[in-house]
Amino acid sequence: MYKLWSLAWVFALLSLVAVGGGTAVLPEMERLVVHQFHWMGDQQFRDIYSLGQVAPGPNMLMVMVIGYRLAGAAGAAVVGVAFFLPDCILTFFANRLWYRLSQSRWRTALQRGLAPVAIGLMLSGTYALARLSITNFMGLSIAAVTFGILSWRRVNPLLLISAGGLAYLIFIIR
């Protein structure tokens, strides 16, 4: 029962700081789940995140997999409610206020101030994932080439993911 309360508390707090989407909260989630509470290792966290990326639907459903891994079906339910409900309630009321303040200078100032915060949090999430995922020179090379291609051309990311996975398999099996 204590673990369920801990899961609820941790994921409810993460929900409230997820400004800019789920990727923004990944570094803190990884710090809490892996390093502070030691609920799982880096590899397990990376695997669950990868599963969330390839599964259909919102990628942050991965939090329910973490809950399931730690406390079974009850853990998945508790984490799902704790992670998504506070954010939904906050969004509902913020949206109502946002609509009422549509002509206010405060709204414009808040919007302009939160944009860099959201971008910074997303970059932090990207860095945390790169730190977990790039473990050798081959991974670094694939990440650099993928970044270069996406910066230079508009290419379907699915093609790059497939090519990166194939390249990794070819060079690792050799």
N, C-alpha and C. Protein backbone atom coordinates (compact mmCIF):
# COMPACT_ATOMS: atom_id res chain seq x y z
N MET A 1 0.81 -1.19 0.00
CA MET A 1 0.00 0.00 0.00
C MET A 1 0.86 1.26 0.00
N TYR A 2 1.98 1.22 0.74
CA TYR A 2 2.89 2.37 0.78
C TYR A 2 3.44 2.67 -0.61
N LYS A 3 3.76 1.61 -1.38
CA LYS A 3 4.30 1.83 -2.73
C LYS A 3 3.27 2.52 -3.63
N LEU A 4 1.99 2.15 -3.48
CA LEU A 4 0.95 2.79 -4.28
C LEU A 4 0.84 4.27 -3.95
N TRP A 5 0.92 4.62 -2.66
CA TRP A 5 0.88 6.03 -2.27
C TRP A 5 2.10 6.76 -2.81
N SER A 6 3.25 6.13 -2.74
CA SER A 6 4.47 6.74 -3.27
C SER A 6 4.36 6.98 -4.76
N LEU A 7 3.86 5.97 -5.47
CA LEU A 7 3.67 6.11 -6.92
C LEU A 7 2.69 7.24 -7.23
N ALA A 8 1.59 7.29 -6.50
CA ALA A 8 0.59 8.34 -6.73
C ALA A 8 1.20 9.72 -6.50
N TRP A 9 1.93 9.87 -5.43
CA TRP A 9 2.52 11.17 -5.09
C TRP A 9 3.54 11.60 -6.14
N VAL A 10 4.44 10.70 -6.48
CA VAL A 10 5.49 11.03 -7.45
C VAL A 10 4.91 11.39 -8.81
N PHE A 11 3.97 10.58 -9.30
CA PHE A 11 3.45 10.83 -10.65
C PHE A 11 2.46 11.99 -10.69
N ALA A 12 1.78 12.28 -9.58
CA ALA A 12 0.93 13.48 -9.53
C ALA A 12 1.79 14.74 -9.60
N LEU A 13 2.92 14.74 -8.88
CA LEU A 13 3.83 15.89 -8.95
C LEU A 13 4.42 16.04 -10.35
N LEU A 14 4.81 14.92 -10.95
CA LEU A 14 5.35 14.97 -12.31
C LEU A 14 4.31 15.51 -13.28
N SER A 15 3.06 15.15 -13.08
CA SER A 15 1.99 15.62 -13.94
C SER A 15 1.89 17.13 -13.93
N LEU A 16 2.05 17.72 -12.77
CA LEU A 16 1.88 19.16 -12.65
C LEU A 16 3.05 19.96 -13.21
N VAL A 17 4.20 19.33 -13.40
CA VAL A 17 5.33 20.05 -13.98
C VAL A 17 5.57 19.68 -15.44
N ALA A 18 4.64 18.95 -16.03
CA ALA A 18 4.80 18.51 -17.42
C ALA A 18 4.40 19.61 -18.39
N VAL A 19 4.97 20.80 -18.21
CA VAL A 19 4.71 21.92 -19.12
C VAL A 19 5.41 21.62 -20.44
N GLY A 20 4.69 21.63 -21.53
CA GLY A 20 5.30 21.38 -22.82
C GLY A 20 5.20 19.94 -23.26
N GLY A 21 4.53 19.12 -22.49
CA GLY A 21 4.35 17.73 -22.87
C GLY A 21 5.17 16.77 -22.02
N GLY A 22 4.99 15.51 -22.29
CA GLY A 22 5.63 14.47 -21.50
C GLY A 22 7.14 14.45 -21.57
N THR A 23 7.69 14.80 -22.71
CA THR A 23 9.14 14.79 -22.86
C THR A 23 9.79 15.77 -21.88
N ALA A 24 9.07 16.84 -21.56
CA ALA A 24 9.61 17.84 -20.66
C ALA A 24 9.85 17.30 -19.26
N VAL A 25 9.11 16.29 -18.87
CA VAL A 25 9.20 15.78 -17.51
C VAL A 25 10.09 14.52 -17.42
N LEU A 26 10.56 14.01 -18.54
CA LEU A 26 11.35 12.78 -18.54
C LEU A 26 12.62 12.84 -17.68
N PRO A 27 13.39 13.91 -17.69
CA PRO A 27 14.59 13.92 -16.84
C PRO A 27 14.25 13.77 -15.36
N GLU A 28 13.21 14.47 -14.92
CA GLU A 28 12.82 14.37 -13.52
C GLU A 28 12.24 12.99 -13.22
N MET A 29 11.47 12.45 -14.16
CA MET A 29 10.91 11.11 -13.97
C MET A 29 12.04 10.09 -13.86
N GLU A 30 13.01 10.21 -14.73
CA GLU A 30 14.15 9.27 -14.68
C GLU A 30 14.91 9.43 -13.37
N ARG A 31 15.12 10.66 -12.93
CA ARG A 31 15.83 10.90 -11.67
C ARG A 31 15.10 10.28 -10.49
N LEU A 32 13.79 10.47 -10.44
CA LEU A 32 13.02 9.94 -9.32
C LEU A 32 12.90 8.43 -9.37
N VAL A 33 12.52 7.90 -10.52
CA VAL A 33 12.25 6.46 -10.64
C VAL A 33 13.53 5.63 -10.57
N VAL A 34 14.59 6.10 -11.20
CA VAL A 34 15.83 5.32 -11.27
C VAL A 34 16.78 5.64 -10.14
N HIS A 35 17.04 6.92 -9.91
CA HIS A 35 18.12 7.29 -8.99
C HIS A 35 17.68 7.54 -7.55
N GLN A 36 16.52 8.16 -7.37
CA GLN A 36 16.12 8.47 -6.00
C GLN A 36 15.43 7.29 -5.32
N PHE A 37 14.40 6.72 -5.96
CA PHE A 37 13.66 5.63 -5.33
C PHE A 37 14.19 4.25 -5.71
N HIS A 38 15.03 4.16 -6.74
CA HIS A 38 15.61 2.89 -7.20
C HIS A 38 14.54 1.85 -7.52
N TRP A 39 13.46 2.31 -8.15
CA TRP A 39 12.39 1.41 -8.51
C TRP A 39 12.75 0.56 -9.72
N MET A 40 13.68 1.04 -10.54
CA MET A 40 14.16 0.28 -11.70
C MET A 40 15.50 0.85 -12.14
N GLY A 41 16.16 0.14 -13.03
CA GLY A 41 17.46 0.56 -13.53
C GLY A 41 17.34 1.41 -14.79
N ASP A 42 18.48 1.97 -15.21
CA ASP A 42 18.51 2.79 -16.43
C ASP A 42 17.99 2.02 -17.64
N GLN A 43 18.45 0.77 -17.78
CA GLN A 43 18.06 -0.03 -18.94
C GLN A 43 16.55 -0.29 -18.96
N GLN A 44 15.98 -0.60 -17.81
CA GLN A 44 14.53 -0.84 -17.75
C GLN A 44 13.76 0.43 -18.10
N PHE A 45 14.22 1.57 -17.58
CA PHE A 45 13.56 2.84 -17.89
C PHE A 45 13.65 3.12 -19.39
N ARG A 46 14.81 2.92 -19.96
CA ARG A 46 15.01 3.14 -21.39
C ARG A 46 14.12 2.21 -22.21
N ASP A 47 14.01 0.95 -21.79
CA ASP A 47 13.17 0.00 -22.52
C ASP A 47 11.69 0.39 -22.46
N ILE A 48 11.24 0.84 -21.28
CA ILE A 48 9.84 1.25 -21.15
C ILE A 48 9.58 2.50 -21.98
N TYR A 49 10.53 3.43 -21.98
CA TYR A 49 10.36 4.63 -22.81
C TYR A 49 10.29 4.24 -24.29
N SER A 50 11.15 3.34 -24.72
CA SER A 50 11.15 2.90 -26.12
C SER A 50 9.83 2.24 -26.47
N LEU A 51 9.30 1.44 -25.57
CA LEU A 51 8.00 0.81 -25.79
C LEU A 51 6.92 1.87 -25.96
N GLY A 52 6.97 2.91 -25.14
CA GLY A 52 6.00 4.00 -25.25
C GLY A 52 6.09 4.73 -26.58
N GLN A 53 7.28 4.79 -27.14
CA GLN A 53 7.47 5.49 -28.41
C GLN A 53 6.93 4.69 -29.59
N VAL A 54 7.04 3.38 -29.55
CA VAL A 54 6.61 2.58 -30.70
C VAL A 54 5.17 2.12 -30.58
N ALA A 55 4.59 2.16 -29.38
CA ALA A 55 3.20 1.75 -29.21
C ALA A 55 2.27 2.83 -29.78
N PRO A 56 1.13 2.41 -30.31
CA PRO A 56 0.18 3.41 -30.81
C PRO A 56 -0.41 4.21 -29.65
N GLY A 57 -0.77 5.44 -29.93
CA GLY A 57 -1.36 6.29 -28.90
C GLY A 57 -0.34 7.22 -28.30
N PRO A 58 -0.74 7.94 -27.27
CA PRO A 58 0.17 8.89 -26.62
C PRO A 58 1.36 8.18 -26.00
N ASN A 59 2.55 8.72 -26.22
CA ASN A 59 3.76 8.04 -25.72
C ASN A 59 3.88 8.08 -24.21
N MET A 60 3.20 8.99 -23.53
CA MET A 60 3.31 9.05 -22.08
C MET A 60 2.46 8.00 -21.38
N LEU A 61 1.77 7.16 -22.14
CA LEU A 61 1.11 6.01 -21.51
C LEU A 61 2.16 5.08 -20.91
N MET A 62 3.42 5.34 -21.23
CA MET A 62 4.52 4.56 -20.66
C MET A 62 4.52 4.62 -19.14
N VAL A 63 3.97 5.68 -18.56
CA VAL A 63 3.95 5.77 -17.10
C VAL A 63 3.13 4.65 -16.50
N MET A 64 2.10 4.22 -17.21
CA MET A 64 1.29 3.10 -16.72
C MET A 64 2.08 1.80 -16.75
N VAL A 65 2.97 1.66 -17.70
CA VAL A 65 3.84 0.48 -17.75
C VAL A 65 4.78 0.49 -16.55
N ILE A 66 5.28 1.67 -16.19
CA ILE A 66 6.12 1.78 -15.00
C ILE A 66 5.33 1.36 -13.77
N GLY A 67 4.10 1.87 -13.65
CA GLY A 67 3.25 1.49 -12.53
C GLY A 67 2.97 0.00 -12.50
N TYR A 68 2.71 -0.58 -13.67
CA TYR A 68 2.45 -2.02 -13.76
C TYR A 68 3.69 -2.80 -13.36
N ARG A 69 4.83 -2.37 -13.81
CA ARG A 69 6.10 -3.05 -13.49
C ARG A 69 6.36 -3.04 -11.99
N LEU A 70 5.97 -1.95 -11.32
CA LEU A 70 6.26 -1.80 -9.90
C LEU A 70 5.20 -2.38 -8.98
N ALA A 71 3.91 -2.35 -9.38
CA ALA A 71 2.86 -2.78 -8.46
C ALA A 71 1.69 -3.46 -9.16
N GLY A 72 1.93 -4.04 -10.33
CA GLY A 72 0.88 -4.77 -11.02
C GLY A 72 -0.22 -3.87 -11.56
N ALA A 73 -1.41 -4.44 -11.74
CA ALA A 73 -2.53 -3.71 -12.31
C ALA A 73 -2.93 -2.52 -11.44
N ALA A 74 -2.87 -2.68 -10.12
CA ALA A 74 -3.20 -1.56 -9.22
C ALA A 74 -2.20 -0.42 -9.42
N GLY A 75 -0.93 -0.74 -9.59
CA GLY A 75 0.08 0.28 -9.84
C GLY A 75 -0.16 1.01 -11.14
N ALA A 76 -0.54 0.27 -12.18
CA ALA A 76 -0.82 0.91 -13.47
C ALA A 76 -2.01 1.86 -13.35
N ALA A 77 -3.04 1.44 -12.64
CA ALA A 77 -4.23 2.28 -12.46
C ALA A 77 -3.90 3.52 -11.64
N VAL A 78 -3.19 3.34 -10.54
CA VAL A 78 -2.84 4.47 -9.67
C VAL A 78 -1.97 5.47 -10.42
N VAL A 79 -0.95 4.99 -11.12
CA VAL A 79 -0.07 5.89 -11.85
C VAL A 79 -0.82 6.58 -12.98
N GLY A 80 -1.68 5.86 -13.68
CA GLY A 80 -2.46 6.47 -14.76
C GLY A 80 -3.32 7.61 -14.25
N VAL A 81 -4.05 7.38 -13.17
CA VAL A 81 -4.90 8.43 -12.60
C VAL A 81 -4.04 9.58 -12.06
N ALA A 82 -2.98 9.24 -11.34
CA ALA A 82 -2.13 10.27 -10.72
C ALA A 82 -1.42 11.12 -11.76
N PHE A 83 -1.05 10.53 -12.88
CA PHE A 83 -0.30 11.29 -13.89
C PHE A 83 -1.21 12.11 -14.79
N PHE A 84 -2.39 11.58 -15.11
CA PHE A 84 -3.23 12.27 -16.09
C PHE A 84 -4.33 13.13 -15.48
N LEU A 85 -4.89 12.76 -14.33
CA LEU A 85 -6.01 13.51 -13.77
C LEU A 85 -5.64 14.92 -13.30
N PRO A 86 -4.58 15.12 -12.52
CA PRO A 86 -4.27 16.50 -12.09
C PRO A 86 -4.03 17.43 -13.27
N ASP A 87 -3.34 16.94 -14.27
CA ASP A 87 -3.06 17.75 -15.45
C ASP A 87 -4.35 18.09 -16.20
N CYS A 88 -5.26 17.13 -16.29
CA CYS A 88 -6.54 17.38 -16.97
C CYS A 88 -7.35 18.44 -16.23
N ILE A 89 -7.40 18.34 -14.90
CA ILE A 89 -8.13 19.33 -14.11
C ILE A 89 -7.50 20.70 -14.26
N LEU A 90 -6.18 20.77 -14.15
CA LEU A 90 -5.47 22.04 -14.30
C LEU A 90 -5.71 22.63 -15.69
N THR A 91 -5.65 21.80 -16.71
CA THR A 91 -5.87 22.26 -18.08
C THR A 91 -7.28 22.78 -18.28
N PHE A 92 -8.26 22.09 -17.68
CA PHE A 92 -9.65 22.53 -17.80
C PHE A 92 -9.83 23.95 -17.25
N PHE A 93 -9.34 24.18 -16.04
CA PHE A 93 -9.51 25.49 -15.43
C PHE A 93 -8.63 26.56 -16.10
N ALA A 94 -7.44 26.18 -16.49
CA ALA A 94 -6.57 27.13 -17.19
C ALA A 94 -7.19 27.53 -18.52
N ASN A 95 -7.81 26.60 -19.20
CA ASN A 95 -8.44 26.90 -20.48
C ASN A 95 -9.60 27.87 -20.30
N ARG A 96 -10.38 27.68 -19.26
CA ARG A 96 -11.49 28.60 -18.99
C ARG A 96 -10.96 30.01 -18.72
N LEU A 97 -9.91 30.10 -17.90
CA LEU A 97 -9.31 31.40 -17.59
C LEU A 97 -8.66 32.00 -18.83
N TRP A 98 -8.01 31.17 -19.61
CA TRP A 98 -7.34 31.60 -20.84
C TRP A 98 -8.34 32.25 -21.79
N TYR A 99 -9.51 31.65 -21.89
CA TYR A 99 -10.55 32.18 -22.77
C TYR A 99 -11.05 33.53 -22.26
N ARG A 100 -11.23 33.64 -20.94
CA ARG A 100 -11.72 34.90 -20.37
C ARG A 100 -10.71 36.04 -20.52
N LEU A 101 -9.44 35.69 -20.52
CA LEU A 101 -8.39 36.72 -20.62
C LEU A 101 -7.87 36.88 -22.04
N SER A 102 -8.69 36.57 -23.01
CA SER A 102 -8.22 36.55 -24.40
C SER A 102 -7.66 37.89 -24.88
N GLN A 103 -8.13 39.00 -24.34
CA GLN A 103 -7.65 40.31 -24.77
C GLN A 103 -6.67 40.95 -23.78
N SER A 104 -6.30 40.21 -22.76
CA SER A 104 -5.45 40.76 -21.71
C SER A 104 -3.97 40.75 -22.09
N ARG A 105 -3.26 41.79 -21.64
CA ARG A 105 -1.81 41.83 -21.86
C ARG A 105 -1.11 40.79 -21.00
N TRP A 106 -1.71 40.43 -19.86
CA TRP A 106 -1.14 39.40 -18.98
C TRP A 106 -1.07 38.06 -19.71
N ARG A 107 -2.10 37.78 -20.49
CA ARG A 107 -2.12 36.51 -21.22
C ARG A 107 -0.98 36.46 -22.23
N THR A 108 -0.80 37.54 -22.95
CA THR A 108 0.28 37.59 -23.94
C THR A 108 1.65 37.45 -23.27
N ALA A 109 1.82 38.15 -22.15
CA ALA A 109 3.10 38.08 -21.42
C ALA A 109 3.35 36.67 -20.89
N LEU A 110 2.32 36.05 -20.34
CA LEU A 110 2.46 34.69 -19.82
C LEU A 110 2.78 33.71 -20.94
N GLN A 111 2.11 33.87 -22.05
CA GLN A 111 2.34 32.99 -23.21
C GLN A 111 3.78 33.12 -23.71
N ARG A 112 4.26 34.33 -23.81
CA ARG A 112 5.63 34.55 -24.28
C ARG A 112 6.66 34.08 -23.26
N GLY A 113 6.33 34.17 -21.99
CA GLY A 113 7.25 33.72 -20.95
C GLY A 113 7.32 32.21 -20.82
N LEU A 114 6.19 31.52 -21.06
CA LEU A 114 6.17 30.07 -20.92
C LEU A 114 6.76 29.33 -22.12
N ALA A 115 6.77 29.96 -23.28
CA ALA A 115 7.31 29.30 -24.47
C ALA A 115 8.77 28.88 -24.29
N PRO A 116 9.67 29.75 -23.83
CA PRO A 116 11.05 29.32 -23.63
C PRO A 116 11.19 28.26 -22.53
N VAL A 117 10.33 28.34 -21.51
CA VAL A 117 10.37 27.33 -20.44
C VAL A 117 10.02 25.96 -21.02
N ALA A 118 8.96 25.90 -21.81
CA ALA A 118 8.54 24.64 -22.42
C ALA A 118 9.63 24.09 -23.34
N ILE A 119 10.24 24.95 -24.13
CA ILE A 119 11.31 24.51 -25.04
C ILE A 119 12.50 24.00 -24.24
N GLY A 120 12.87 24.71 -23.18
CA GLY A 120 13.98 24.27 -22.33
C GLY A 120 13.71 22.92 -21.69
N LEU A 121 12.48 22.73 -21.21
CA LEU A 121 12.13 21.44 -20.60
C LEU A 121 12.17 20.31 -21.63
N MET A 122 11.71 20.58 -22.84
CA MET A 122 11.76 19.54 -23.88
C MET A 122 13.20 19.22 -24.26
N LEU A 123 14.05 20.24 -24.35
CA LEU A 123 15.47 19.99 -24.64
C LEU A 123 16.12 19.20 -23.52
N SER A 124 15.75 19.50 -22.30
CA SER A 124 16.27 18.75 -21.16
C SER A 124 15.85 17.29 -21.25
N GLY A 125 14.61 17.04 -21.65
CA GLY A 125 14.14 15.67 -21.83
C GLY A 125 14.89 14.95 -22.93
N THR A 126 15.14 15.66 -24.01
CA THR A 126 15.90 15.07 -25.12
C THR A 126 17.32 14.73 -24.67
N TYR A 127 17.93 15.62 -23.92
CA TYR A 127 19.28 15.36 -23.41
C TYR A 127 19.30 14.15 -22.48
N ALA A 128 18.31 14.06 -21.60
CA ALA A 128 18.25 12.93 -20.67
C ALA A 128 18.11 11.61 -21.43
N LEU A 129 17.29 11.60 -22.47
CA LEU A 129 17.13 10.38 -23.26
C LEU A 129 18.40 10.04 -24.02
N ALA A 130 19.05 11.06 -24.56
CA ALA A 130 20.29 10.82 -25.29
C ALA A 130 21.35 10.25 -24.34
N ARG A 131 21.41 10.79 -23.14
CA ARG A 131 22.39 10.32 -22.16
C ARG A 131 22.14 8.85 -21.80
N LEU A 132 20.87 8.48 -21.72
CA LEU A 132 20.53 7.08 -21.41
C LEU A 132 20.74 6.16 -22.61
N SER A 133 20.46 6.67 -23.80
CA SER A 133 20.39 5.80 -24.98
C SER A 133 21.69 5.69 -25.76
N ILE A 134 22.48 6.73 -25.80
CA ILE A 134 23.71 6.70 -26.59
C ILE A 134 24.82 6.15 -25.69
N THR A 135 25.09 4.87 -25.87
CA THR A 135 26.04 4.19 -24.98
C THR A 135 27.35 3.82 -25.67
N ASN A 136 27.42 4.02 -26.99
CA ASN A 136 28.66 3.68 -27.70
C ASN A 136 28.80 4.58 -28.93
N PHE A 137 29.90 4.43 -29.62
CA PHE A 137 30.19 5.28 -30.78
C PHE A 137 29.16 5.06 -31.90
N MET A 138 28.71 3.83 -32.08
CA MET A 138 27.74 3.54 -33.13
C MET A 138 26.43 4.30 -32.86
N GLY A 139 25.97 4.28 -31.63
CA GLY A 139 24.74 5.00 -31.27
C GLY A 139 24.90 6.50 -31.47
N LEU A 140 26.06 7.03 -31.09
CA LEU A 140 26.35 8.45 -31.29
C LEU A 140 26.35 8.80 -32.77
N SER A 141 26.95 7.95 -33.59
CA SER A 141 27.00 8.19 -35.04
C SER A 141 25.59 8.20 -35.64
N ILE A 142 24.77 7.23 -35.26
CA ILE A 142 23.41 7.17 -35.79
C ILE A 142 22.62 8.41 -35.36
N ALA A 143 22.77 8.81 -34.11
CA ALA A 143 22.07 10.01 -33.61
C ALA A 143 22.51 11.26 -34.36
N ALA A 144 23.81 11.40 -34.59
CA ALA A 144 24.33 12.58 -35.28
C ALA A 144 23.86 12.63 -36.74
N VAL A 145 23.91 11.50 -37.43
CA VAL A 145 23.46 11.45 -38.82
C VAL A 145 21.97 11.74 -38.90
N THR A 146 21.19 11.16 -38.00
CA THR A 146 19.74 11.39 -37.99
C THR A 146 19.44 12.87 -37.74
N PHE A 147 20.11 13.46 -36.77
CA PHE A 147 19.92 14.88 -36.48
C PHE A 147 20.28 15.72 -37.71
N GLY A 148 21.39 15.40 -38.34
CA GLY A 148 21.81 16.14 -39.53
C GLY A 148 20.80 16.05 -40.66
N ILE A 149 20.31 14.85 -40.92
CA ILE A 149 19.34 14.67 -42.01
C ILE A 149 18.05 15.42 -41.69
N LEU A 150 17.57 15.31 -40.45
CA LEU A 150 16.32 15.99 -40.10
C LEU A 150 16.48 17.51 -40.11
N SER A 151 17.67 17.99 -39.83
CA SER A 151 17.91 19.44 -39.86
C SER A 151 18.02 19.96 -41.28
N TRP A 152 18.45 19.10 -42.19
CA TRP A 152 18.73 19.51 -43.56
C TRP A 152 17.54 19.27 -44.48
N ARG A 153 16.85 18.16 -44.29
CA ARG A 153 15.76 17.75 -45.19
C ARG A 153 14.51 17.37 -44.40
N ARG A 154 13.40 17.39 -45.09
CA ARG A 154 12.16 16.87 -44.52
C ARG A 154 12.03 15.42 -44.93
N VAL A 155 12.36 14.54 -44.00
CA VAL A 155 12.31 13.10 -44.25
C VAL A 155 11.40 12.48 -43.20
N ASN A 156 10.65 11.49 -43.61
CA ASN A 156 9.79 10.78 -42.67
C ASN A 156 10.66 10.15 -41.58
N PRO A 157 10.44 10.49 -40.32
CA PRO A 157 11.26 9.95 -39.23
C PRO A 157 11.21 8.42 -39.15
N LEU A 158 10.10 7.81 -39.60
CA LEU A 158 10.00 6.36 -39.58
C LEU A 158 11.08 5.72 -40.45
N LEU A 159 11.38 6.36 -41.58
CA LEU A 159 12.45 5.85 -42.45
C LEU A 159 13.81 5.93 -41.74
N LEU A 160 14.04 7.03 -41.04
CA LEU A 160 15.32 7.18 -40.32
C LEU A 160 15.42 6.21 -39.14
N ILE A 161 14.32 5.99 -38.45
CA ILE A 161 14.32 5.02 -37.34
C ILE A 161 14.64 3.63 -37.88
N SER A 162 13.99 3.26 -38.98
CA SER A 162 14.24 1.94 -39.58
C SER A 162 15.68 1.82 -40.07
N ALA A 163 16.17 2.86 -40.73
CA ALA A 163 17.55 2.83 -41.23
C ALA A 163 18.54 2.77 -40.07
N GLY A 164 18.30 3.52 -39.01
CA GLY A 164 19.18 3.49 -37.85
C GLY A 164 19.20 2.14 -37.18
N GLY A 165 18.03 1.53 -37.02
CA GLY A 165 17.97 0.19 -36.43
C GLY A 165 18.68 -0.83 -37.30
N LEU A 166 18.48 -0.75 -38.61
CA LEU A 166 19.15 -1.67 -39.52
C LEU A 166 20.67 -1.48 -39.50
N ALA A 167 21.13 -0.23 -39.50
CA ALA A 167 22.56 0.03 -39.44
C ALA A 167 23.16 -0.50 -38.14
N TYR A 168 22.46 -0.32 -37.05
CA TYR A 168 22.94 -0.81 -35.76
C TYR A 168 23.06 -2.33 -35.78
N LEU A 169 22.04 -2.98 -36.34
CA LEU A 169 22.09 -4.45 -36.43
C LEU A 169 23.23 -4.93 -37.31
N ILE A 170 23.42 -4.28 -38.44
CA ILE A 170 24.47 -4.70 -39.39
C ILE A 170 25.84 -4.55 -38.74
N PHE A 171 26.09 -3.42 -38.09
CA PHE A 171 27.42 -3.18 -37.55
C PHE A 171 27.68 -3.92 -36.24
N ILE A 172 26.64 -4.21 -35.48
CA ILE A 172 26.81 -4.94 -34.23
C ILE A 172 26.99 -6.44 -34.51
N ILE A 173 26.24 -6.97 -35.47
CA ILE A 173 26.33 -8.40 -35.78
C ILE A 173 27.66 -8.74 -36.45
N ARG A 174 28.22 -7.81 -37.20
CA ARG A 174 29.48 -8.05 -37.90
C ARG A 174 30.54 -8.50 -37.02
